[in-house]
Protein backbone atom coordinates (compact mmCIF):
# COMPACT_ATOMS: atom_id res chain seq x y z
CA MET A 1 -0.09 22.71 0.86
CA GLN A 2 2.81 20.85 -0.66
CA VAL A 3 2.88 17.04 -0.54
CA ARG A 4 6.23 15.27 -0.74
CA LEU A 5 6.37 11.51 -1.34
CA THR A 6 9.61 9.60 -0.82
CA THR A 7 9.48 5.92 -1.75
CA LEU A 8 11.80 4.00 0.54
CA CYS A 9 10.79 0.42 -0.28
CA GLU A 10 9.81 -0.95 -3.68
CA ASN A 11 10.61 -3.87 -5.95
CA THR A 12 13.02 -1.85 -8.10
CA ALA A 13 15.72 0.66 -7.22
CA ALA A 14 15.46 4.00 -9.02
CA ALA A 15 19.01 5.24 -8.39
CA LEU A 16 22.52 4.22 -7.46
CA GLY A 17 22.87 3.29 -3.80
CA TYR A 18 19.25 2.20 -3.31
CA THR A 19 18.11 -1.37 -2.70
CA GLY A 20 15.21 -2.99 -4.51
CA GLU A 21 13.07 -5.33 -2.41
CA TRP A 22 9.67 -6.87 -3.08
CA GLY A 23 7.28 -4.73 -1.05
CA LEU A 24 6.38 -1.11 -0.48
CA GLY A 25 7.05 1.78 1.91
CA ILE A 26 6.32 5.45 1.19
CA LEU A 27 7.09 8.44 3.40
CA VAL A 28 4.35 11.07 3.10
CA GLU A 29 5.19 14.63 4.19
CA ALA A 30 2.48 17.27 4.15
CA GLY A 31 1.47 20.19 6.35
CA GLY A 32 4.29 19.59 8.80
CA GLU A 33 3.34 15.92 9.30
CA ALA A 34 5.45 12.89 8.36
CA VAL A 35 3.50 9.64 8.00
CA LEU A 36 4.91 6.36 6.75
CA LEU A 37 2.72 4.08 4.64
CA ASP A 38 4.01 0.51 5.06
CA THR A 39 7.53 -0.65 5.84
CA GLY A 40 8.57 -3.08 3.09
CA LEU A 41 9.68 -6.68 3.58
CA GLY A 42 13.04 -6.43 5.35
CA ASP A 43 15.88 -3.97 5.76
CA SER A 44 15.42 -1.81 2.65
CA LEU A 45 13.46 0.83 4.59
CA ILE A 46 16.46 1.68 6.79
CA ARG A 47 19.06 1.16 4.04
CA ASN A 48 17.27 3.40 1.55
CA ALA A 49 16.54 6.07 4.13
CA MET A 50 20.28 6.24 4.75
CA ALA A 51 21.01 6.27 1.00
CA GLY A 52 18.62 9.17 0.50
CA ASN A 53 19.62 11.03 3.68
CA VAL A 54 16.00 10.75 4.90
CA ASP A 55 15.45 11.51 8.56
CA LEU A 56 13.02 8.87 9.85
CA SER A 57 13.05 10.32 13.38
CA LYS A 58 10.28 12.73 12.36
CA VAL A 59 7.91 9.80 11.81
CA ASP A 60 5.50 9.24 14.67
CA LYS A 61 2.62 7.69 12.70
CA VAL A 62 2.68 4.59 10.51
CA VAL A 63 -0.23 3.38 8.39
CA ILE A 64 -0.22 -0.32 7.56
CA SER A 65 -2.15 -1.00 4.36
CA HIS A 66 -2.69 -4.71 5.14
CA GLY A 67 -1.13 -7.56 7.05
CA HIS A 68 1.18 -9.11 4.44
CA ALA A 69 4.87 -9.50 5.22
CA ASP A 70 6.02 -7.41 2.26
CA HIS A 71 4.30 -4.38 3.79
CA THR A 72 5.05 -5.03 7.47
CA GLY A 73 8.44 -6.76 7.55
CA GLY A 74 10.42 -3.56 8.19
CA LEU A 75 8.32 -2.52 11.17
CA ARG A 76 10.54 -4.06 13.84
CA SER A 77 13.76 -2.47 12.57
CA LEU A 78 11.97 0.88 12.21
CA LEU A 79 10.79 0.78 15.82
CA GLN A 80 14.24 -0.26 17.01
CA GLN A 81 15.82 2.68 15.22
CA LEU A 82 13.25 5.25 16.35
CA GLY A 83 13.32 4.19 19.99
CA LYS A 84 10.06 5.96 20.83
CA ARG A 85 6.30 5.42 20.92
CA VAL A 86 4.86 5.28 17.40
CA GLN A 87 1.18 5.26 16.50
CA ILE A 88 0.43 2.34 14.14
CA HIS A 89 -2.88 2.77 12.30
CA THR A 90 -4.25 -0.43 10.86
CA HIS A 91 -7.20 -2.80 10.62
CA PRO A 92 -7.63 -5.57 13.24
CA ALA A 93 -7.53 -8.25 10.51
CA ILE A 94 -3.77 -7.73 9.98
CA TRP A 95 -3.17 -10.40 12.63
CA GLY A 96 -4.86 -13.15 10.59
CA LYS A 97 -2.85 -16.22 9.60
CA LYS A 98 -2.44 -15.21 5.97
CA TYR A 99 -1.32 -17.63 3.26
CA THR A 100 -1.08 -17.82 -0.49
CA CYS A 101 -2.03 -21.20 -1.96
CA MET A 102 -1.51 -22.70 -5.39
CA THR A 103 -2.47 -26.00 -6.98
CA LEU A 104 0.41 -27.77 -8.71
CA PRO A 105 -0.33 -28.72 -12.32
CA GLY A 106 -0.54 -32.44 -12.95
CA SER A 107 -0.57 -33.71 -9.37
CA GLY A 108 -3.34 -31.39 -8.18
CA GLU A 109 -1.46 -30.97 -4.89
CA ARG A 110 -2.11 -27.68 -3.14
CA ARG A 111 0.83 -25.89 -1.58
CA CYS A 112 0.40 -23.00 0.82
CA ARG A 113 2.99 -20.48 2.00
CA TYR A 114 2.68 -18.16 4.99
CA ILE A 115 2.79 -14.48 3.93
CA GLY A 116 1.36 -12.78 7.01
CA MET A 117 2.78 -10.55 9.75
CA PRO A 118 6.28 -11.78 10.64
CA PHE A 119 6.15 -10.41 14.21
CA CYS A 120 3.79 -10.85 17.14
CA ARG A 121 1.93 -7.86 18.52
CA GLU A 122 3.54 -8.10 21.96
CA GLU A 123 7.06 -7.85 20.56
CA LEU A 124 6.23 -4.73 18.54
CA GLU A 125 4.44 -3.11 21.45
CA GLY A 126 7.52 -3.75 23.57
CA LEU A 127 9.49 -1.73 21.00
CA GLY A 128 7.13 1.24 21.18
CA ALA A 129 4.28 0.40 18.80
CA VAL A 130 0.86 1.72 19.83
CA PHE A 131 -1.71 -0.05 17.67
CA ASN A 132 -4.80 1.92 16.73
CA MET A 133 -7.00 -0.60 14.93
CA SER A 134 -10.17 0.40 13.14
CA ARG A 135 -12.39 -0.96 10.39
CA GLU A 136 -13.58 2.59 9.69
CA PRO A 137 -11.71 5.54 8.15
CA VAL A 138 -9.44 7.34 10.63
CA TRP A 139 -8.46 11.00 10.23
CA LEU A 140 -4.81 11.38 11.25
CA ASN A 141 -5.13 15.17 10.99
CA GLU A 142 -7.34 17.59 9.07
CA PHE A 143 -5.95 16.53 5.68
CA MET A 144 -4.86 12.86 5.98
CA VAL A 145 -7.28 9.95 6.35
CA THR A 146 -7.10 6.16 6.10
CA THR A 147 -9.83 4.55 4.04
CA GLY A 148 -10.61 1.72 6.43
CA GLU A 149 -12.36 -1.23 4.78
CA VAL A 150 -12.90 -0.69 1.06
CA PRO A 151 -16.33 -1.80 -0.24
CA LEU A 152 -16.36 -4.07 -3.28
CA VAL A 153 -18.64 -2.14 -5.61
CA THR A 154 -17.24 -2.45 -9.14
CA SER A 155 -18.20 -5.38 -11.35
CA PHE A 156 -14.66 -5.98 -12.62
CA GLU A 157 -12.53 -6.01 -9.43
CA LYS A 158 -12.29 -8.85 -6.94
CA VAL A 159 -9.85 -10.22 -4.38
CA ASP A 160 -7.44 -12.82 -5.79
CA ASP A 161 -8.58 -16.40 -5.30
CA ASN A 162 -5.13 -17.53 -4.12
CA MET A 163 -5.39 -15.64 -0.81
CA PHE A 164 -6.32 -17.71 2.23
CA LEU A 165 -6.55 -17.64 6.01
CA ARG A 166 -5.64 -20.63 8.13
CA ALA A 167 -8.52 -21.42 10.48
CA GLU A 168 -9.54 -24.35 12.69
CA GLU A 169 -11.47 -25.86 9.79
CA GLY A 170 -8.52 -25.49 7.41
CA PHE A 171 -7.77 -22.89 4.75
CA VAL A 172 -10.58 -20.44 4.03
CA PRO A 173 -10.60 -17.58 1.46
CA ASP A 174 -9.14 -14.30 2.67
CA THR A 175 -11.21 -11.37 1.41
CA LEU A 176 -8.53 -8.96 2.72
CA PRO A 177 -10.85 -6.67 4.71
CA ASP A 178 -7.68 -5.08 6.13
CA ASP A 179 -6.69 -3.71 2.70
CA GLN A 180 -6.73 0.07 2.96
CA ALA A 181 -5.11 3.19 1.53
CA LEU A 182 -3.93 6.59 2.79
CA VAL A 183 -5.57 9.70 1.34
CA VAL A 184 -4.25 13.27 1.42
CA LYS A 185 -6.58 16.22 0.72
CA THR A 186 -4.86 18.99 -1.25
CA GLU A 187 -5.94 22.11 -3.12
CA LYS A 188 -5.50 20.22 -6.40
CA GLY A 189 -7.61 17.25 -5.27
CA LEU A 190 -6.97 13.95 -3.55
CA VAL A 191 -3.60 12.22 -3.49
CA VAL A 192 -4.34 8.53 -2.91
CA LEU A 193 -1.52 6.27 -1.67
CA LEU A 194 -2.19 2.59 -2.39
CA GLY A 195 -0.50 -0.27 -0.57
CA CYS A 196 -1.57 -3.17 -2.78
CA ALA A 197 -5.22 -2.38 -3.63
CA HIS A 198 -6.15 -6.03 -3.16
CA ARG A 199 -9.81 -4.94 -3.04
CA GLY A 200 -9.43 -2.98 -6.26
CA MET A 201 -7.78 0.29 -7.24
CA VAL A 202 -11.03 1.76 -8.56
CA ASN A 203 -12.99 0.56 -5.52
CA THR A 204 -10.42 2.32 -3.35
CA LEU A 205 -10.62 5.58 -5.32
CA LEU A 206 -14.42 5.58 -5.20
CA HIS A 207 -14.28 5.03 -1.44
CA ALA A 208 -11.74 7.85 -1.03
CA GLN A 209 -14.16 10.19 -2.80
CA ARG A 210 -17.02 9.13 -0.55
CA ILE A 211 -15.22 9.53 2.77
CA THR A 212 -13.63 12.90 1.92
CA GLY A 213 -16.48 14.43 -0.08
CA VAL A 214 -13.91 15.40 -2.73
CA GLU A 215 -14.51 14.23 -6.30
CA LYS A 216 -11.26 15.37 -7.90
CA ILE A 217 -8.46 12.81 -7.70
CA TYR A 218 -5.20 14.53 -8.53
CA ALA A 219 -2.75 11.65 -8.05
CA VAL A 220 -2.72 7.90 -7.51
CA VAL A 221 0.56 6.42 -6.26
CA GLY A 222 1.53 2.93 -5.16
CA GLY A 223 0.56 -0.69 -5.75
CA THR A 224 -2.38 -1.14 -8.12
CA HIS A 225 -2.46 -4.96 -8.02
CA LEU A 226 -2.92 -5.30 -11.75
CA PHE A 227 -0.16 -7.87 -12.27
CA ARG A 228 -2.65 -10.76 -12.12
CA ALA A 229 -5.52 -8.87 -13.76
CA GLN A 230 -7.20 -9.95 -16.98
CA PRO A 231 -7.01 -7.53 -19.95
CA GLU A 232 -10.66 -6.58 -19.47
CA GLN A 233 -10.01 -5.43 -15.89
CA ILE A 234 -7.01 -3.38 -16.96
CA GLU A 235 -9.04 -1.69 -19.73
CA GLN A 236 -11.94 -0.93 -17.40
CA SER A 237 -9.57 0.37 -14.73
CA MET A 238 -7.93 2.73 -17.22
CA ALA A 239 -11.35 3.89 -18.39
CA GLU A 240 -12.27 4.76 -14.81
CA LEU A 241 -9.01 6.63 -14.29
CA ARG A 242 -9.78 8.65 -17.43
CA ARG A 243 -13.34 9.32 -16.27
CA MET A 244 -12.07 10.54 -12.89
CA GLY A 245 -9.60 12.87 -14.59
CA VAL A 246 -6.60 11.60 -12.61
CA GLY A 247 -3.73 14.03 -13.08
CA LYS A 248 -0.80 11.82 -12.08
CA ILE A 249 -0.36 8.07 -11.70
CA GLY A 250 2.82 6.60 -10.21
CA VAL A 251 2.81 2.81 -10.12
CA SER A 252 4.74 0.50 -7.81
CA HIS A 253 5.19 -3.01 -6.51
CA CYS A 254 2.25 -5.24 -7.55
CA THR A 255 1.32 -3.36 -10.72
CA GLY A 256 3.38 -5.55 -13.04
CA MET A 257 5.49 -4.43 -15.98
CA ALA A 258 2.97 -5.26 -18.72
CA PRO A 259 0.08 -3.34 -17.06
CA ALA A 260 2.51 -0.50 -16.25
CA ALA A 261 3.46 -0.29 -19.93
CA LEU A 262 -0.22 -0.05 -20.88
CA LEU A 263 -0.76 2.70 -18.30
CA ALA A 264 2.32 4.56 -19.56
CA ARG A 265 1.05 4.42 -23.14
CA GLU A 266 -2.43 5.52 -22.10
CA PHE A 267 -1.52 8.38 -19.77
CA GLY A 268 1.72 9.68 -21.27
CA ASP A 269 3.39 12.36 -19.18
CA LYS A 270 0.84 11.83 -16.37
CA PHE A 271 2.49 8.45 -15.71
CA PHE A 272 5.66 7.65 -13.77
CA PHE A 273 7.34 4.61 -12.26
CA ASN A 274 7.38 4.99 -8.48
CA ASN A 275 10.43 2.98 -7.41
CA ALA A 276 12.74 2.98 -4.38
CA GLY A 277 14.43 6.36 -4.30
CA THR A 278 11.70 8.19 -6.21
CA VAL A 279 10.82 11.58 -4.72
CA VAL A 280 7.82 13.52 -6.06
CA GLU A 281 6.19 16.73 -4.91
CA PHE A 282 2.65 17.84 -5.63
């Protein structure tokens, strides 16, 4: 079975005519199915689909990796363009009031910025969204599965301490239980599509192995969330990728240029930048 990945939203444009936008959106085509992982921050999903002559009308399933605006902001315009019922697979925690907070040096003042879902559920449902929310893995067909909640099992990966939820008692840490990935089973092994991997790239890969029963990971594509990682975490993550025998790694979005350069040096021709307009087939 051939797997075709078309990246429609990403921080950087890979070719003339494409728009770079902070966020992620990847069209996954395999076995006659077309599933969209995330929708970017704004209008780049539609713009880049037009630039690449990509027919979005074949999409009837969308997987939302987590409830941040840079992965959900294109959902309304997608639904408006499709004009039909679309299954949206996600975790119930996407509707949390998500913020990022930072303490200003010197004054000690904490400033928080809303980064959660930009639309209400009722509006999206009125445009055709059918939300299928689950904390557990969901098989979309016989070869595609969402990971559901990713257990925190490694000693070197943790959720960033600048992520918060606004609650009645104030701001509380957001452990991002809604962070999930999309996994495709192929003859060569697993192709794992990461949204942001807030709960850890390696944690996500280990969980993908457990839920599918497949040890071989052929490709890892998407946001690895290494841009805020300490050097020790990057080294341990690369060691795990080597141990797993990953055949291809295409990084996007929240990886960061310095970690990407380290991955490129480590993995050579197994590595590629997965930017807006990138099309790869496995």
